[in-house]
Amino acid sequence: MPRGSSDKAKWYADGLRFECQPDCGACCTNHGDYAYVYLENEEIEAMAALLGLTRTRFEQDYTVLDEGYRVLRMDQPDCPFLEDKRCNVYEARPVQCRTFPFWNENLRNKTSWKKLREFCPGIDQGEKVPLVQIERQRIERGD
Protein backbone atom coordinates (compact mmCIF):
# COMPACT_ATOMS: atom_id res chain seq x y z
CA MET A 1 0.00 0.00 0.00
CA PRO A 2 1.46 3.41 -0.92
CA ARG A 3 2.59 5.67 1.87
CA GLY A 4 -0.19 7.89 3.16
CA SER A 5 -3.00 5.69 1.89
CA SER A 6 -3.36 3.45 4.93
CA ASP A 7 -5.78 4.21 7.73
CA LYS A 8 -2.81 4.60 10.10
CA ALA A 9 -1.79 7.69 8.11
CA LYS A 10 -4.98 9.49 9.19
CA TRP A 11 -4.65 11.86 12.11
CA TYR A 12 -7.70 10.21 13.69
CA ALA A 13 -6.47 6.63 13.17
CA ASP A 14 -6.90 5.92 16.89
CA GLY A 15 -10.54 7.04 16.76
CA LEU A 16 -12.30 10.17 17.92
CA ARG A 17 -14.38 10.87 20.96
CA PHE A 18 -17.90 11.90 20.08
CA GLU A 19 -21.21 11.43 21.80
CA CYS A 20 -24.50 13.13 21.03
CA GLN A 21 -25.62 15.07 24.05
CA PRO A 22 -29.16 14.59 25.37
CA ASP A 23 -31.63 17.30 24.43
CA CYS A 24 -29.06 19.19 22.38
CA GLY A 25 -30.18 19.51 18.74
CA ALA A 26 -27.38 21.98 18.00
CA CYS A 27 -26.41 20.15 14.80
CA CYS A 28 -29.96 20.77 13.54
CA THR A 29 -29.71 24.55 13.70
CA ASN A 30 -28.36 26.95 11.10
CA HIS A 31 -24.58 27.39 11.23
CA GLY A 32 -23.57 29.09 7.99
CA ASP A 33 -22.31 26.32 5.71
CA TYR A 34 -23.97 23.76 7.99
CA ALA A 35 -27.39 25.10 7.03
CA TYR A 36 -27.76 22.83 4.01
CA VAL A 37 -29.16 19.31 4.15
CA TYR A 38 -28.98 17.81 0.68
CA LEU A 39 -31.61 15.21 -0.09
CA GLU A 40 -31.61 12.14 -2.31
CA ASN A 41 -34.84 10.85 -3.85
CA GLU A 42 -35.04 7.90 -1.44
CA GLU A 43 -34.64 10.20 1.55
CA ILE A 44 -37.43 12.47 0.36
CA GLU A 45 -39.71 9.49 -0.15
CA ALA A 46 -38.88 8.00 3.27
CA MET A 47 -39.50 11.25 5.14
CA ALA A 48 -42.70 11.92 3.20
CA ALA A 49 -43.98 8.41 3.99
CA LEU A 50 -43.10 8.79 7.67
CA LEU A 51 -45.07 12.05 7.78
CA GLY A 52 -47.96 10.61 5.76
CA LEU A 53 -47.42 13.04 2.89
CA THR A 54 -47.10 12.65 -0.83
CA ARG A 55 -43.67 13.31 -2.24
CA THR A 56 -45.01 16.42 -4.02
CA ARG A 57 -46.53 17.80 -0.83
CA PHE A 58 -43.36 17.09 1.15
CA GLU A 59 -41.22 18.87 -1.45
CA GLN A 60 -43.57 21.87 -1.50
CA ASP A 61 -43.69 22.19 2.28
CA TYR A 62 -40.19 21.23 3.34
CA THR A 63 -37.69 21.64 0.51
CA VAL A 64 -36.25 24.12 -1.96
CA LEU A 65 -33.98 23.84 -4.97
CA ASP A 66 -30.48 25.19 -4.46
CA GLU A 67 -28.32 25.27 -7.57
CA GLY A 68 -30.17 22.24 -8.90
CA TYR A 69 -30.01 20.27 -5.65
CA ARG A 70 -33.04 19.48 -3.51
CA VAL A 71 -32.35 20.65 0.06
CA LEU A 72 -34.36 20.95 3.24
CA ARG A 73 -35.92 24.35 3.70
CA MET A 74 -33.78 25.97 6.38
CA ASP A 75 -35.23 29.46 6.39
CA GLN A 76 -35.82 29.31 10.14
CA PRO A 77 -33.17 29.10 12.86
CA ASP A 78 -33.72 25.32 13.14
CA CYS A 79 -34.41 22.37 10.87
CA PRO A 80 -38.15 22.14 10.21
CA PHE A 81 -38.13 18.71 11.86
CA LEU A 82 -36.47 19.77 15.10
CA GLU A 83 -39.08 19.87 17.83
CA ASP A 84 -38.17 20.30 21.50
CA LYS A 85 -34.53 19.60 20.53
CA ARG A 86 -35.52 16.23 19.05
CA CYS A 87 -35.78 15.10 15.43
CA ASN A 88 -39.34 14.16 14.57
CA VAL A 89 -38.23 12.27 11.42
CA TYR A 90 -35.35 10.50 13.18
CA GLU A 91 -36.18 7.07 11.73
CA ALA A 92 -36.00 8.48 8.19
CA ARG A 93 -33.42 11.23 8.66
CA PRO A 94 -31.10 11.83 5.69
CA VAL A 95 -27.65 10.27 5.41
CA GLN A 96 -26.11 13.69 5.92
CA CYS A 97 -27.76 13.88 9.34
CA ARG A 98 -27.02 10.25 10.27
CA THR A 99 -23.31 10.63 9.56
CA PHE A 100 -22.63 13.93 11.33
CA PRO A 101 -19.96 14.83 12.46
CA PHE A 102 -17.88 12.33 10.47
CA TRP A 103 -17.76 14.29 7.21
CA ASN A 104 -14.59 14.83 5.16
CA GLU A 105 -14.58 18.57 5.83
CA ASN A 106 -14.71 17.91 9.59
CA LEU A 107 -11.99 15.25 9.43
CA ARG A 108 -9.55 17.26 7.31
CA ASN A 109 -7.37 17.96 10.34
CA LYS A 110 -7.53 18.40 14.12
CA THR A 111 -8.34 22.07 13.74
CA SER A 112 -11.43 21.31 11.64
CA TRP A 113 -12.58 18.75 14.20
CA LYS A 114 -12.01 21.07 17.17
CA LYS A 115 -13.83 23.92 15.40
CA LEU A 116 -17.03 21.88 15.62
CA ARG A 117 -16.98 22.45 19.39
CA GLU A 118 -18.18 25.99 18.67
CA PHE A 119 -21.68 24.57 18.29
CA CYS A 120 -21.49 20.83 19.03
CA PRO A 121 -20.99 19.93 22.68
CA GLY A 122 -20.59 16.23 21.78
CA ILE A 123 -17.17 16.73 20.19
CA ASP A 124 -14.45 15.13 22.36
CA GLN A 125 -17.07 13.64 24.69
CA GLY A 126 -17.89 10.02 25.52
CA GLU A 127 -16.16 6.87 24.34
CA LYS A 128 -13.87 6.85 21.32
CA VAL A 129 -15.57 6.07 18.05
CA PRO A 130 -13.27 3.57 16.32
CA LEU A 131 -11.73 4.31 12.94
CA VAL A 132 -13.71 1.53 11.25
CA GLN A 133 -17.00 3.13 12.34
CA ILE A 134 -15.86 6.61 11.27
CA GLU A 135 -14.86 5.28 7.86
CA ARG A 136 -18.15 3.40 7.50
CA GLN A 137 -20.05 6.66 8.02
CA ARG A 138 -17.82 8.52 5.55
CA ILE A 139 -18.50 5.81 2.95
CA GLU A 140 -22.25 5.89 3.65
CA ARG A 141 -22.23 9.63 3.03
CA GLY A 142 -20.21 9.18 -0.15
CA ASP A 143 -17.13 11.05 1.10
Foldseek 3Di string as FASTA:
>chain_A
DDPCPDLVNFPQQAFFFFDADPQALLLFFDDPVSQWDFDDPVLLCLLCVLVVHDSVVSQVPFWDADPNTITGDRPDRGRPQQDSSDGPSVVSDDLVVVLPPLECQCRVDPVSVVVCVVRGVRGRDDDGDHPVNSVVSHVSVVD
